[in-house]
Amino acid sequence: EEKVKKDQLLFKIDTAIYEIKNAKRKANLEYNKARYERTKKLYEQNNESLKNYQTAEYEYRDAAQGLKRTELQINKRSCYYAPFDGIVTNISHYTGSFVFAGHKVLEVTKN
């Protein structure tokens, strides 16, 4: 048992997998942005269909949202802090353990 103060760092999760996804989504966003801009220009010149233009716009916006989602996952899932002053109990995972989303790592009980 270890005493902790509110907002004290309890543990960090390795976000390497999310960093890889983030790099992939950045590249996907760049590709879809270029495709959207090219399709928009062609559409404005009446050389592209409305359907293709709308599809390119949707895919560009979707890629942007995918990147934001991954960045949020990295920021939200990397560090966990004590919600209140208390005692750490029931540690079920230690450094180097693989943890599935939603699984309990430890508990903090109030003093």
Protein backbone atom coordinates (compact mmCIF):
# COMPACT_ATOMS: atom_id res chain seq x y z
CA GLU A 1 0.00 0.00 0.00
CA GLU A 2 1.25 3.44 -0.95
CA LYS A 3 -0.24 6.83 -0.13
CA VAL A 4 -0.91 9.16 -3.04
CA LYS A 5 -2.01 12.75 -3.35
CA LYS A 6 -4.69 14.05 -5.69
CA ASP A 7 -3.33 14.51 -9.26
CA GLN A 8 -0.19 12.48 -8.50
CA LEU A 9 0.93 10.38 -11.48
CA LEU A 10 -0.08 6.76 -10.90
CA PHE A 11 1.17 5.15 -14.11
CA LYS A 12 1.92 5.69 -17.78
CA ILE A 13 0.94 3.55 -20.70
CA ASP A 14 3.24 3.07 -23.67
CA THR A 15 1.55 4.74 -26.61
CA ALA A 16 3.90 3.44 -29.32
CA ILE A 17 1.08 1.66 -31.16
CA TYR A 18 -0.91 4.89 -31.24
CA GLU A 19 2.15 6.81 -32.46
CA ILE A 20 2.38 4.40 -35.40
CA LYS A 21 -1.33 4.82 -36.13
CA ASN A 22 -0.88 8.59 -35.85
CA ALA A 23 1.91 8.63 -38.44
CA LYS A 24 -0.22 6.51 -40.77
CA ARG A 25 -3.21 8.80 -40.31
CA LYS A 26 -1.09 11.90 -40.96
CA ALA A 27 0.04 10.41 -44.27
CA ASN A 28 -3.55 9.46 -45.07
CA LEU A 29 -4.68 13.01 -44.33
CA GLU A 30 -2.02 14.50 -46.62
CA TYR A 31 -3.02 12.14 -49.42
CA ASN A 32 -6.74 12.85 -49.02
CA LYS A 33 -6.17 16.59 -48.81
CA ALA A 34 -4.22 16.60 -52.07
CA ARG A 35 -6.85 14.38 -53.71
CA TYR A 36 -9.66 16.65 -52.48
CA GLU A 37 -7.94 19.83 -53.72
CA ARG A 38 -7.24 18.25 -57.12
CA THR A 39 -10.83 16.98 -57.43
CA LYS A 40 -12.25 20.35 -56.33
CA LYS A 41 -10.22 22.19 -58.95
CA LEU A 42 -11.34 19.77 -61.65
CA TYR A 43 -14.96 20.02 -60.50
CA GLU A 44 -14.83 23.83 -60.66
CA GLN A 45 -13.57 23.49 -64.26
CA ASN A 46 -16.47 21.10 -65.04
CA ASN A 47 -14.02 18.22 -65.57
CA GLU A 48 -15.09 16.12 -62.56
CA SER A 49 -18.45 14.80 -61.37
CA LEU A 50 -20.21 16.13 -58.29
CA LYS A 51 -20.19 12.61 -56.87
CA ASN A 52 -16.40 12.30 -57.10
CA TYR A 53 -15.97 15.77 -55.63
CA GLN A 54 -18.25 14.97 -52.68
CA THR A 55 -16.54 11.62 -52.13
CA ALA A 56 -13.12 13.27 -52.07
CA GLU A 57 -14.39 15.93 -49.64
CA TYR A 58 -15.89 13.29 -47.34
CA GLU A 59 -12.71 11.21 -47.34
CA TYR A 60 -10.61 14.30 -46.58
CA ARG A 61 -12.83 15.27 -43.64
CA ASP A 62 -12.92 11.68 -42.40
CA ALA A 63 -9.11 11.49 -42.51
CA ALA A 64 -8.88 14.72 -40.49
CA GLN A 65 -11.24 13.31 -37.85
CA GLY A 66 -9.29 10.04 -37.75
CA LEU A 67 -6.10 11.96 -37.01
CA LYS A 68 -7.79 13.97 -34.24
CA ARG A 69 -9.15 10.74 -32.73
CA THR A 70 -5.70 9.15 -32.64
CA GLU A 71 -4.14 12.27 -31.10
CA LEU A 72 -6.81 12.25 -28.39
CA GLN A 73 -6.10 8.58 -27.70
CA ILE A 74 -2.41 9.34 -27.27
CA ASN A 75 -3.05 12.27 -24.93
CA LYS A 76 -5.84 10.66 -22.94
CA ARG A 77 -4.33 7.22 -22.55
CA SER A 78 -0.72 7.99 -21.80
CA CYS A 79 -0.85 9.21 -18.16
CA TYR A 80 -3.22 8.39 -15.32
CA TYR A 81 -3.41 10.47 -12.15
CA ALA A 82 -4.88 9.94 -8.69
CA PRO A 83 -8.44 11.31 -8.59
CA PHE A 84 -8.14 12.14 -4.86
CA ASP A 85 -5.86 11.68 -1.85
CA GLY A 86 -5.82 8.02 -0.94
CA ILE A 87 -4.04 4.70 -0.83
CA VAL A 88 -3.13 2.52 -3.80
CA THR A 89 -4.58 -0.97 -3.35
CA ASN A 90 -5.21 -4.04 -5.47
CA ILE A 91 -2.42 -3.60 -8.02
CA SER A 92 -3.17 -6.11 -10.76
CA HIS A 93 -0.61 -5.08 -13.40
CA TYR A 94 3.01 -4.02 -13.07
CA THR A 95 5.64 -2.41 -15.29
CA GLY A 96 5.87 -4.25 -18.58
CA SER A 97 2.44 -5.86 -18.29
CA PHE A 98 0.08 -5.83 -21.25
CA VAL A 99 -3.24 -4.26 -20.34
CA PHE A 100 -6.43 -4.47 -22.38
CA ALA A 101 -8.70 -1.44 -22.61
CA GLY A 102 -11.18 -1.42 -19.75
CA HIS A 103 -9.16 -3.70 -17.48
CA LYS A 104 -8.35 -2.55 -13.98
CA VAL A 105 -4.69 -1.78 -13.29
CA LEU A 106 -5.02 -0.66 -9.68
CA GLU A 107 -7.44 0.86 -7.21
CA VAL A 108 -7.16 4.02 -5.17
CA THR A 109 -9.22 4.14 -2.00
CA LYS A 110 -9.80 7.22 0.12
CA ASN A 111 -7.94 7.49 3.42
